[in-house]
PDB file of N, CA and C in Angstrom:
ATOM      1  N   MET A   1       0.852  -1.168   0.000  1.00  0.00           N
ATOM      2  CA  MET A   1       0.000   0.000   0.000  1.00  0.00           C
ATOM      3  C   MET A   1       0.904   1.238   0.000  1.00  0.00           C
ATOM      4  N   GLY A   2       0.691   2.119  -0.953  1.00  0.00           N
ATOM      5  CA  GLY A   2       1.499   3.320  -1.078  1.00  0.00           C
ATOM      6  C   GLY A   2       0.973   4.455  -0.224  1.00  0.00           C
ATOM      7  N   ILE A   3       1.843   5.370   0.070  1.00  0.00           N
ATOM      8  CA  ILE A   3       1.472   6.551   0.846  1.00  0.00           C
ATOM      9  C   ILE A   3       1.477   7.740  -0.095  1.00  0.00           C
ATOM     10  N   ARG A   4       0.394   8.493  -0.092  1.00  0.00           N
ATOM     11  CA  ARG A   4       0.306   9.694  -0.920  1.00  0.00           C
ATOM     12  C   ARG A   4       0.829  10.886  -0.134  1.00  0.00           C
ATOM     13  N   LEU A   5       1.678  11.650  -0.788  1.00  0.00           N
ATOM     14  CA  LEU A   5       2.185  12.857  -0.158  1.00  0.00           C
ATOM     15  C   LEU A   5       1.171  13.977  -0.324  1.00  0.00           C
ATOM     16  N   PRO A   6       0.934  14.719   0.726  1.00  0.00           N
ATOM     17  CA  PRO A   6       0.022  15.863   0.591  1.00  0.00           C
ATOM     18  C   PRO A   6       0.555  16.849  -0.445  1.00  0.00           C
ATOM     19  N   SER A   7      -0.362  17.576  -1.056  1.00  0.00           N
ATOM     20  CA  SER A   7       0.034  18.513  -2.106  1.00  0.00           C
ATOM     21  C   SER A   7       0.973  19.592  -1.578  1.00  0.00           C
ATOM     22  N   LYS A   8       0.878  19.920  -0.289  1.00  0.00           N
ATOM     23  CA  LYS A   8       1.777  20.933   0.272  1.00  0.00           C
ATOM     24  C   LYS A   8       3.227  20.471   0.206  1.00  0.00           C
ATOM     25  N   ILE A   9       3.466  19.188   0.456  1.00  0.00           N
ATOM     26  CA  ILE A   9       4.829  18.662   0.379  1.00  0.00           C
ATOM     27  C   ILE A   9       5.288  18.679  -1.067  1.00  0.00           C
ATOM     28  N   HIS A  10       4.409  18.298  -1.981  1.00  0.00           N
ATOM     29  CA  HIS A  10       4.745  18.316  -3.399  1.00  0.00           C
ATOM     30  C   HIS A  10       5.067  19.734  -3.852  1.00  0.00           C
ATOM     31  N   ASN A  11       4.254  20.709  -3.440  1.00  0.00           N
ATOM     32  CA  ASN A  11       4.502  22.109  -3.788  1.00  0.00           C
ATOM     33  C   ASN A  11       5.790  22.619  -3.166  1.00  0.00           C
ATOM     34  N   SER A  12       6.119  22.140  -1.973  1.00  0.00           N
ATOM     35  CA  SER A  12       7.362  22.551  -1.323  1.00  0.00           C
ATOM     36  C   SER A  12       8.567  22.126  -2.139  1.00  0.00           C
ATOM     37  N   LYS A  13       8.480  20.953  -2.770  1.00  0.00           N
ATOM     38  CA  LYS A  13       9.577  20.495  -3.618  1.00  0.00           C
ATOM     39  C   LYS A  13       9.777  21.450  -4.788  1.00  0.00           C
ATOM     40  N   HIS A  14       8.682  21.952  -5.349  1.00  0.00           N
ATOM     41  CA  HIS A  14       8.785  22.907  -6.447  1.00  0.00           C
ATOM     42  C   HIS A  14       9.398  24.222  -5.970  1.00  0.00           C
ATOM     43  N   VAL A  15       9.026  24.668  -4.784  1.00  0.00           N
ATOM     44  CA  VAL A  15       9.585  25.899  -4.247  1.00  0.00           C
ATOM     45  C   VAL A  15      11.084  25.734  -4.002  1.00  0.00           C
ATOM     46  N   LEU A  16      11.484  24.573  -3.473  1.00  0.00           N
ATOM     47  CA  LEU A  16      12.904  24.324  -3.256  1.00  0.00           C
ATOM     48  C   LEU A  16      13.664  24.307  -4.572  1.00  0.00           C
ATOM     49  N   LYS A  17      13.053  23.734  -5.606  1.00  0.00           N
ATOM     50  CA  LYS A  17      13.692  23.729  -6.920  1.00  0.00           C
ATOM     51  C   LYS A  17      13.843  25.161  -7.419  1.00  0.00           C
ATOM     52  N   LEU A  18      12.803  25.968  -7.247  1.00  0.00           N
ATOM     53  CA  LEU A  18      12.859  27.374  -7.653  1.00  0.00           C
ATOM     54  C   LEU A  18      13.947  28.104  -6.883  1.00  0.00           C
ATOM     55  N   GLN A  19      14.025  27.858  -5.572  1.00  0.00           N
ATOM     56  CA  GLN A  19      15.041  28.523  -4.773  1.00  0.00           C
ATOM     57  C   GLN A  19      16.438  28.132  -5.212  1.00  0.00           C
ATOM     58  N   SER A  20      16.609  26.878  -5.634  1.00  0.00           N
ATOM     59  CA  SER A  20      17.933  26.475  -6.101  1.00  0.00           C
ATOM     60  C   SER A  20      18.270  27.200  -7.398  1.00  0.00           C
ATOM     61  N   LEU A  21      17.269  27.412  -8.254  1.00  0.00           N
ATOM     62  CA  LEU A  21      17.510  28.197  -9.464  1.00  0.00           C
ATOM     63  C   LEU A  21      17.808  29.646  -9.116  1.00  0.00           C
ATOM     64  N   LEU A  22      17.085  30.161  -8.128  1.00  0.00           N
ATOM     65  CA  LEU A  22      17.255  31.560  -7.754  1.00  0.00           C
ATOM     66  C   LEU A  22      18.604  31.822  -7.100  1.00  0.00           C
ATOM     67  N   SER A  23      19.161  30.818  -6.457  1.00  0.00           N
ATOM     68  CA  SER A  23      20.384  31.058  -5.695  1.00  0.00           C
ATOM     69  C   SER A  23      21.647  30.652  -6.441  1.00  0.00           C
ATOM     70  N   ARG A  24      21.565  30.403  -7.715  1.00  0.00           N
ATOM     71  CA  ARG A  24      22.771  30.059  -8.469  1.00  0.00           C
ATOM     72  C   ARG A  24      23.773  31.196  -8.383  1.00  0.00           C
ATOM     73  N   ASN A  25      25.055  30.827  -8.345  1.00  0.00           N
ATOM     74  CA  ASN A  25      26.052  31.893  -8.232  1.00  0.00           C
ATOM     75  C   ASN A  25      26.357  32.496  -9.595  1.00  0.00           C
ATOM     76  N   GLN A  26      27.126  33.558  -9.603  1.00  0.00           N
ATOM     77  CA  GLN A  26      27.361  34.331 -10.808  1.00  0.00           C
ATOM     78  C   GLN A  26      28.160  33.592 -11.860  1.00  0.00           C
ATOM     79  N   THR A  27      28.893  32.564 -11.501  1.00  0.00           N
ATOM     80  CA  THR A  27      29.720  31.871 -12.479  1.00  0.00           C
ATOM     81  C   THR A  27      28.950  30.798 -13.224  1.00  0.00           C
ATOM     82  N   SER A  28      27.747  30.474 -12.783  1.00  0.00           N
ATOM     83  CA  SER A  28      26.989  29.430 -13.452  1.00  0.00           C
ATOM     84  C   SER A  28      26.339  29.963 -14.723  1.00  0.00           C
ATOM     85  N   THR A  29      26.058  29.048 -15.623  1.00  0.00           N
ATOM     86  CA  THR A  29      25.383  29.436 -16.853  1.00  0.00           C
ATOM     87  C   THR A  29      23.886  29.508 -16.607  1.00  0.00           C
ATOM     88  N   VAL A  30      23.207  30.191 -17.490  1.00  0.00           N
ATOM     89  CA  VAL A  30      21.759  30.337 -17.370  1.00  0.00           C
ATOM     90  C   VAL A  30      21.112  29.263 -18.226  1.00  0.00           C
ATOM     91  N   PRO A  31      20.241  28.426 -17.629  1.00  0.00           N
ATOM     92  CA  PRO A  31      19.594  27.367 -18.399  1.00  0.00           C
ATOM     93  C   PRO A  31      18.699  27.930 -19.503  1.00  0.00           C
ATOM     94  N   LYS A  32      18.514  27.150 -20.529  1.00  0.00           N
ATOM     95  CA  LYS A  32      17.630  27.536 -21.625  1.00  0.00           C
ATOM     96  C   LYS A  32      16.231  27.831 -21.064  1.00  0.00           C
ATOM     97  N   GLY A  33      15.642  28.925 -21.547  1.00  0.00           N
ATOM     98  CA  GLY A  33      14.302  29.300 -21.090  1.00  0.00           C
ATOM     99  C   GLY A  33      14.305  30.133 -19.821  1.00  0.00           C
ATOM    100  N   HIS A  34      15.466  30.555 -19.366  1.00  0.00           N
ATOM    101  CA  HIS A  34      15.596  31.354 -18.148  1.00  0.00           C
ATOM    102  C   HIS A  34      16.419  32.602 -18.454  1.00  0.00           C
ATOM    103  N   CYS A  35      16.384  33.552 -17.523  1.00  0.00           N
ATOM    104  CA  CYS A  35      17.242  34.731 -17.651  1.00  0.00           C
ATOM    105  C   CYS A  35      17.759  35.101 -16.265  1.00  0.00           C
ATOM    106  N   ALA A  36      18.895  35.755 -16.263  1.00  0.00           N
ATOM    107  CA  ALA A  36      19.494  36.194 -15.002  1.00  0.00           C
ATOM    108  C   ALA A  36      19.085  37.637 -14.742  1.00  0.00           C
ATOM    109  N   VAL A  37      18.742  37.918 -13.497  1.00  0.00           N
ATOM    110  CA  VAL A  37      18.433  39.279 -13.083  1.00  0.00           C
ATOM    111  C   VAL A  37      19.197  39.570 -11.798  1.00  0.00           C
ATOM    112  N   TYR A  38      19.500  40.834 -11.582  1.00  0.00           N
ATOM    113  CA  TYR A  38      20.174  41.268 -10.365  1.00  0.00           C
ATOM    114  C   TYR A  38      19.168  42.044  -9.534  1.00  0.00           C
ATOM    115  N   VAL A  39      19.047  41.665  -8.260  1.00  0.00           N
ATOM    116  CA  VAL A  39      17.997  42.215  -7.406  1.00  0.00           C
ATOM    117  C   VAL A  39      18.625  42.808  -6.149  1.00  0.00           C
ATOM    118  N   GLY A  40      18.124  43.969  -5.747  1.00  0.00           N
ATOM    119  CA  GLY A  40      18.556  44.579  -4.498  1.00  0.00           C
ATOM    120  C   GLY A  40      18.641  46.078  -4.619  1.00  0.00           C
ATOM    121  N   GLU A  41      18.465  46.729  -3.500  1.00  0.00           N
ATOM    122  CA  GLU A  41      18.555  48.189  -3.465  1.00  0.00           C
ATOM    123  C   GLU A  41      20.011  48.635  -3.414  1.00  0.00           C
ATOM    124  N   ILE A  42      20.799  48.011  -2.554  1.00  0.00           N
ATOM    125  CA  ILE A  42      22.199  48.402  -2.387  1.00  0.00           C
ATOM    126  C   ILE A  42      23.110  47.292  -2.915  1.00  0.00           C
ATOM    127  N   GLN A  43      23.057  46.143  -2.266  1.00  0.00           N
ATOM    128  CA  GLN A  43      23.858  45.010  -2.705  1.00  0.00           C
ATOM    129  C   GLN A  43      23.019  44.157  -3.639  1.00  0.00           C
ATOM    130  N   LYS A  44      23.500  43.941  -4.837  1.00  0.00           N
ATOM    131  CA  LYS A  44      22.755  43.198  -5.853  1.00  0.00           C
ATOM    132  C   LYS A  44      23.053  41.703  -5.744  1.00  0.00           C
ATOM    133  N   LYS A  45      21.999  40.894  -5.829  1.00  0.00           N
ATOM    134  CA  LYS A  45      22.142  39.446  -5.815  1.00  0.00           C
ATOM    135  C   LYS A  45      21.594  38.910  -7.131  1.00  0.00           C
ATOM    136  N   ARG A  46      22.270  37.946  -7.696  1.00  0.00           N
ATOM    137  CA  ARG A  46      21.873  37.377  -8.990  1.00  0.00           C
ATOM    138  C   ARG A  46      20.860  36.262  -8.774  1.00  0.00           C
ATOM    139  N   PHE A  47      19.775  36.313  -9.546  1.00  0.00           N
ATOM    140  CA  PHE A  47      18.746  35.282  -9.547  1.00  0.00           C
ATOM    141  C   PHE A  47      18.545  34.813 -10.975  1.00  0.00           C
ATOM    142  N   VAL A  48      18.158  33.563 -11.126  1.00  0.00           N
ATOM    143  CA  VAL A  48      17.842  33.002 -12.436  1.00  0.00           C
ATOM    144  C   VAL A  48      16.363  32.640 -12.412  1.00  0.00           C
ATOM    145  N   VAL A  49      15.592  33.224 -13.341  1.00  0.00           N
ATOM    146  CA  VAL A  49      14.144  33.013 -13.360  1.00  0.00           C
ATOM    147  C   VAL A  49      13.697  32.564 -14.755  1.00  0.00           C
ATOM    148  N   PRO A  50      12.585  31.827 -14.820  1.00  0.00           N
ATOM    149  CA  PRO A  50      12.040  31.462 -16.131  1.00  0.00           C
ATOM    150  C   PRO A  50      11.628  32.709 -16.910  1.00  0.00           C
ATOM    151  N   ILE A  51      11.852  32.713 -18.209  1.00  0.00           N
ATOM    152  CA  ILE A  51      11.506  33.894 -19.007  1.00  0.00           C
ATOM    153  C   ILE A  51      10.004  34.131 -19.040  1.00  0.00           C
ATOM    154  N   SER A  52       9.218  33.116 -18.762  1.00  0.00           N
ATOM    155  CA  SER A  52       7.765  33.301 -18.741  1.00  0.00           C
ATOM    156  C   SER A  52       7.343  34.292 -17.656  1.00  0.00           C
ATOM    157  N   TYR A  53       8.156  34.462 -16.612  1.00  0.00           N
ATOM    158  CA  TYR A  53       7.837  35.423 -15.560  1.00  0.00           C
ATOM    159  C   TYR A  53       7.807  36.851 -16.112  1.00  0.00           C
ATOM    160  N   LEU A  54       8.579  37.109 -17.152  1.00  0.00           N
ATOM    161  CA  LEU A  54       8.686  38.463 -17.687  1.00  0.00           C
ATOM    162  C   LEU A  54       7.361  38.983 -18.235  1.00  0.00           C
ATOM    163  N   ASN A  55       6.448  38.086 -18.585  1.00  0.00           N
ATOM    164  CA  ASN A  55       5.154  38.498 -19.131  1.00  0.00           C
ATOM    165  C   ASN A  55       4.086  38.708 -18.062  1.00  0.00           C
ATOM    166  N   HIS A  56       4.349  38.296 -16.842  1.00  0.00           N
ATOM    167  CA  HIS A  56       3.346  38.434 -15.786  1.00  0.00           C
ATOM    168  C   HIS A  56       3.248  39.902 -15.359  1.00  0.00           C
ATOM    169  N   PRO A  57       2.019  40.417 -15.167  1.00  0.00           N
ATOM    170  CA  PRO A  57       1.832  41.834 -14.819  1.00  0.00           C
ATOM    171  C   PRO A  57       2.609  42.275 -13.573  1.00  0.00           C
ATOM    172  N   ASP A  58       2.675  41.438 -12.535  1.00  0.00           N
ATOM    173  CA  ASP A  58       3.405  41.824 -11.320  1.00  0.00           C
ATOM    174  C   ASP A  58       4.905  41.934 -11.587  1.00  0.00           C
ATOM    175  N   PHE A  59       5.426  41.019 -12.401  1.00  0.00           N
ATOM    176  CA  PHE A  59       6.850  41.076 -12.734  1.00  0.00           C
ATOM    177  C   PHE A  59       7.125  42.263 -13.645  1.00  0.00           C
ATOM    178  N   ARG A  60       6.181  42.543 -14.538  1.00  0.00           N
ATOM    179  CA  ARG A  60       6.328  43.694 -15.427  1.00  0.00           C
ATOM    180  C   ARG A  60       6.407  45.002 -14.647  1.00  0.00           C
ATOM    181  N   ASP A  61       5.673  45.079 -13.539  1.00  0.00           N
ATOM    182  CA  ASP A  61       5.755  46.265 -12.683  1.00  0.00           C
ATOM    183  C   ASP A  61       7.188  46.477 -12.197  1.00  0.00           C
ATOM    184  N   LEU A  62       7.860  45.385 -11.840  1.00  0.00           N
ATOM    185  CA  LEU A  62       9.259  45.494 -11.420  1.00  0.00           C
ATOM    186  C   LEU A  62      10.147  45.935 -12.577  1.00  0.00           C
ATOM    187  N   LEU A  63       9.836  45.456 -13.782  1.00  0.00           N
ATOM    188  CA  LEU A  63      10.617  45.856 -14.950  1.00  0.00           C
ATOM    189  C   LEU A  63      10.444  47.349 -15.250  1.00  0.00           C
ATOM    190  N   TYR A  64       9.227  47.856 -15.079  1.00  0.00           N
ATOM    191  CA  TYR A  64       8.991  49.286 -15.277  1.00  0.00           C
ATOM    192  C   TYR A  64       9.756  50.103 -14.234  1.00  0.00           C
ATOM    193  N   LEU A  65       9.781  49.596 -13.008  1.00  0.00           N
ATOM    194  CA  LEU A  65      10.533  50.260 -11.946  1.00  0.00           C
ATOM    195  C   LEU A  65      12.022  50.313 -12.305  1.00  0.00           C
ATOM    196  N   ALA A  66      12.538  49.220 -12.833  1.00  0.00           N
ATOM    197  CA  ALA A  66      13.940  49.169 -13.257  1.00  0.00           C
ATOM    198  C   ALA A  66      14.196  50.152 -14.394  1.00  0.00           C
ATOM    199  N   GLU A  67      13.250  50.235 -15.329  1.00  0.00           N
ATOM    200  CA  GLU A  67      13.405  51.156 -16.456  1.00  0.00           C
ATOM    201  C   GLU A  67      13.423  52.608 -15.971  1.00  0.00           C
ATOM    202  N   GLU A  68      12.548  52.933 -15.004  1.00  0.00           N
ATOM    203  CA  GLU A  68      12.500  54.290 -14.473  1.00  0.00           C
ATOM    204  C   GLU A  68      13.798  54.659 -13.763  1.00  0.00           C
ATOM    205  N   LYS A  69      14.362  53.701 -13.033  1.00  0.00           N
ATOM    206  CA  LYS A  69      15.557  53.996 -12.251  1.00  0.00           C
ATOM    207  C   LYS A  69      16.830  53.985 -13.098  1.00  0.00           C
ATOM    208  N   PHE A  70      16.956  52.989 -13.988  1.00  0.00           N
ATOM    209  CA  PHE A  70      18.204  52.811 -14.718  1.00  0.00           C
ATOM    210  C   PHE A  70      18.121  53.143 -16.200  1.00  0.00           C
ATOM    211  N   GLY A  71      16.921  53.230 -16.743  1.00  0.00           N
ATOM    212  CA  GLY A  71      16.802  53.384 -18.196  1.00  0.00           C
ATOM    213  C   GLY A  71      17.353  52.130 -18.854  1.00  0.00           C
ATOM    214  N   PHE A  72      18.162  52.322 -19.864  1.00  0.00           N
ATOM    215  CA  PHE A  72      18.755  51.161 -20.520  1.00  0.00           C
ATOM    216  C   PHE A  72      20.232  51.027 -20.188  1.00  0.00           C
ATOM    217  N   ASP A  73      20.684  51.756 -19.170  1.00  0.00           N
ATOM    218  CA  ASP A  73      22.072  51.702 -18.744  1.00  0.00           C
ATOM    219  C   ASP A  73      22.134  51.000 -17.392  1.00  0.00           C
ATOM    220  N   HIS A  74      22.147  49.680 -17.409  1.00  0.00           N
ATOM    221  CA  HIS A  74      22.153  48.908 -16.173  1.00  0.00           C
ATOM    222  C   HIS A  74      23.570  48.801 -15.625  1.00  0.00           C
ATOM    223  N   PRO A  75      23.782  49.182 -14.364  1.00  0.00           N
ATOM    224  CA  PRO A  75      25.120  49.185 -13.788  1.00  0.00           C
ATOM    225  C   PRO A  75      25.759  47.803 -13.704  1.00  0.00           C
ATOM    226  N   MET A  76      24.972  46.752 -13.632  1.00  0.00           N
ATOM    227  CA  MET A  76      25.521  45.406 -13.510  1.00  0.00           C
ATOM    228  C   MET A  76      25.765  44.772 -14.879  1.00  0.00           C
ATOM    229  N   GLY A  77      25.447  45.475 -15.945  1.00  0.00           N
ATOM    230  CA  GLY A  77      25.638  44.922 -17.273  1.00  0.00           C
ATOM    231  C   GLY A  77      24.529  43.972 -17.680  1.00  0.00           C
ATOM    232  N   GLY A  78      23.513  43.858 -16.881  1.00  0.00           N
ATOM    233  CA  GLY A  78      22.384  42.985 -17.166  1.00  0.00           C
ATOM    234  C   GLY A  78      21.120  43.602 -16.604  1.00  0.00           C
ATOM    235  N   LEU A  79      20.082  42.831 -16.536  1.00  0.00           N
ATOM    236  CA  LEU A  79      18.804  43.313 -16.032  1.00  0.00           C
ATOM    237  C   LEU A  79      18.893  43.471 -14.513  1.00  0.00           C
ATOM    238  N   THR A  80      18.772  44.698 -14.044  1.00  0.00           N
ATOM    239  CA  THR A  80      18.861  45.000 -12.618  1.00  0.00           C
ATOM    240  C   THR A  80      17.510  45.491 -12.130  1.00  0.00           C
ATOM    241  N   ILE A  81      17.002  44.863 -11.065  1.00  0.00           N
ATOM    242  CA  ILE A  81      15.692  45.220 -10.519  1.00  0.00           C
ATOM    243  C   ILE A  81      15.891  45.827  -9.134  1.00  0.00           C
ATOM    244  N   PRO A  82      15.538  47.113  -8.974  1.00  0.00           N
ATOM    245  CA  PRO A  82      15.762  47.797  -7.699  1.00  0.00           C
ATOM    246  C   PRO A  82      14.633  47.561  -6.693  1.00  0.00           C
ATOM    247  N   CYS A  83      14.587  46.367  -6.129  1.00  0.00           N
ATOM    248  CA  CYS A  83      13.602  46.089  -5.088  1.00  0.00           C
ATOM    249  C   CYS A  83      14.276  45.232  -4.019  1.00  0.00           C
ATOM    250  N   GLU A  84      13.629  45.095  -2.893  1.00  0.00           N
ATOM    251  CA  GLU A  84      14.180  44.275  -1.819  1.00  0.00           C
ATOM    252  C   GLU A  84      14.174  42.810  -2.230  1.00  0.00           C
ATOM    253  N   GLU A  85      15.200  42.106  -1.810  1.00  0.00           N
ATOM    254  CA  GLU A  85      15.337  40.690  -2.155  1.00  0.00           C
ATOM    255  C   GLU A  85      14.149  39.868  -1.667  1.00  0.00           C
ATOM    256  N   ASP A  86      13.664  40.148  -0.457  1.00  0.00           N
ATOM    257  CA  ASP A  86      12.524  39.406   0.102  1.00  0.00           C
ATOM    258  C   ASP A  86      11.269  39.587  -0.746  1.00  0.00           C
ATOM    259  N   LEU A  87      11.047  40.809  -1.235  1.00  0.00           N
ATOM    260  CA  LEU A  87       9.899  41.087  -2.102  1.00  0.00           C
ATOM    261  C   LEU A  87      10.006  40.291  -3.394  1.00  0.00           C
ATOM    262  N   PHE A  88      11.204  40.243  -3.961  1.00  0.00           N
ATOM    263  CA  PHE A  88      11.415  39.512  -5.208  1.00  0.00           C
ATOM    264  C   PHE A  88      11.193  38.014  -5.006  1.00  0.00           C
ATOM    265  N   ILE A  89      11.713  37.466  -3.924  1.00  0.00           N
ATOM    266  CA  ILE A  89      11.536  36.038  -3.643  1.00  0.00           C
ATOM    267  C   ILE A  89      10.065  35.721  -3.413  1.00  0.00           C
ATOM    268  N   ASP A  90       9.360  36.613  -2.711  1.00  0.00           N
ATOM    269  CA  ASP A  90       7.925  36.417  -2.495  1.00  0.00           C
ATOM    270  C   ASP A  90       7.179  36.385  -3.826  1.00  0.00           C
ATOM    271  N   LEU A  91       7.492  37.319  -4.711  1.00  0.00           N
ATOM    272  CA  LEU A  91       6.828  37.375  -6.018  1.00  0.00           C
ATOM    273  C   LEU A  91       7.116  36.111  -6.826  1.00  0.00           C
ATOM    274  N   THR A  92       8.374  35.705  -6.907  1.00  0.00           N
ATOM    275  CA  THR A  92       8.702  34.527  -7.705  1.00  0.00           C
ATOM    276  C   THR A  92       8.102  33.259  -7.104  1.00  0.00           C
ATOM    277  N   SER A  93       8.004  33.193  -5.792  1.00  0.00           N
ATOM    278  CA  SER A  93       7.358  32.037  -5.159  1.00  0.00           C
ATOM    279  C   SER A  93       5.876  31.989  -5.505  1.00  0.00           C
ATOM    280  N   ARG A  94       5.227  33.167  -5.488  1.00  0.00           N
ATOM    281  CA  ARG A  94       3.799  33.207  -5.859  1.00  0.00           C
ATOM    282  C   ARG A  94       3.600  32.823  -7.320  1.00  0.00           C
ATOM    283  N   LEU A  95       4.462  33.320  -8.198  1.00  0.00           N
ATOM    284  CA  LEU A  95       4.352  32.965  -9.613  1.00  0.00           C
ATOM    285  C   LEU A  95       4.546  31.463  -9.804  1.00  0.00           C
ATOM    286  N   ASN A  96       5.475  30.900  -9.073  1.00  0.00           N
ATOM    287  CA  ASN A  96       5.711  29.458  -9.169  1.00  0.00           C
ATOM    288  C   ASN A  96       4.496  28.676  -8.680  1.00  0.00           C
ATOM    289  N   SER A  97       3.901  29.099  -7.560  1.00  0.00           N
ATOM    290  CA  SER A  97       2.734  28.376  -7.022  1.00  0.00           C
ATOM    291  C   SER A  97       1.507  28.523  -7.938  1.00  0.00           C
ATOM    292  N   MET A  98       1.485  29.612  -8.739  1.00  0.00           N
ATOM    293  CA  MET A  98       0.387  29.802  -9.690  1.00  0.00           C
ATOM    294  C   MET A  98       0.615  28.993 -10.977  1.00  0.00           C
ATOM    295  N   GLY A  99       1.778  28.407 -11.079  1.00  0.00           N
ATOM    296  CA  GLY A  99       2.073  27.607 -12.264  1.00  0.00           C
ATOM    297  C   GLY A  99       2.611  28.392 -13.442  1.00  0.00           C
ATOM    298  N   VAL A 100       3.065  29.622 -13.189  1.00  0.00           N
ATOM    299  CA  VAL A 100       3.652  30.411 -14.263  1.00  0.00           C
ATOM    300  C   VAL A 100       5.035  29.836 -14.523  1.00  0.00           C
ATOM    301  N   MET A 101       5.225  29.227 -15.631  1.00  0.00           N
ATOM    302  CA  MET A 101       6.530  28.638 -15.979  1.00  0.00           C
ATOM    303  C   MET A 101       6.823  28.854 -17.404  1.00  0.00           C
TER     304      MET A 101
END
């Protein structure tokens, strides 16, 4: 007789997978279908997110914020999002739980 795992445990595995993608260091390559972004107000941290997130309205709000602050001259040489790291992780976790991939 098999034991079924509750959906919360199954969803937790997806969140952990997302966190592992988000916490990749700067020397790693970006997997196909993903993009690297730098997040933070003062100290920038690199995250790797699925490109499908870029089309979500909440993520687009962050992109507009980045455009207002940096224009097209990003100090990190890539996409830099000027928001708190906790806010960004919360948003990406919600997008992941909604199935945005």
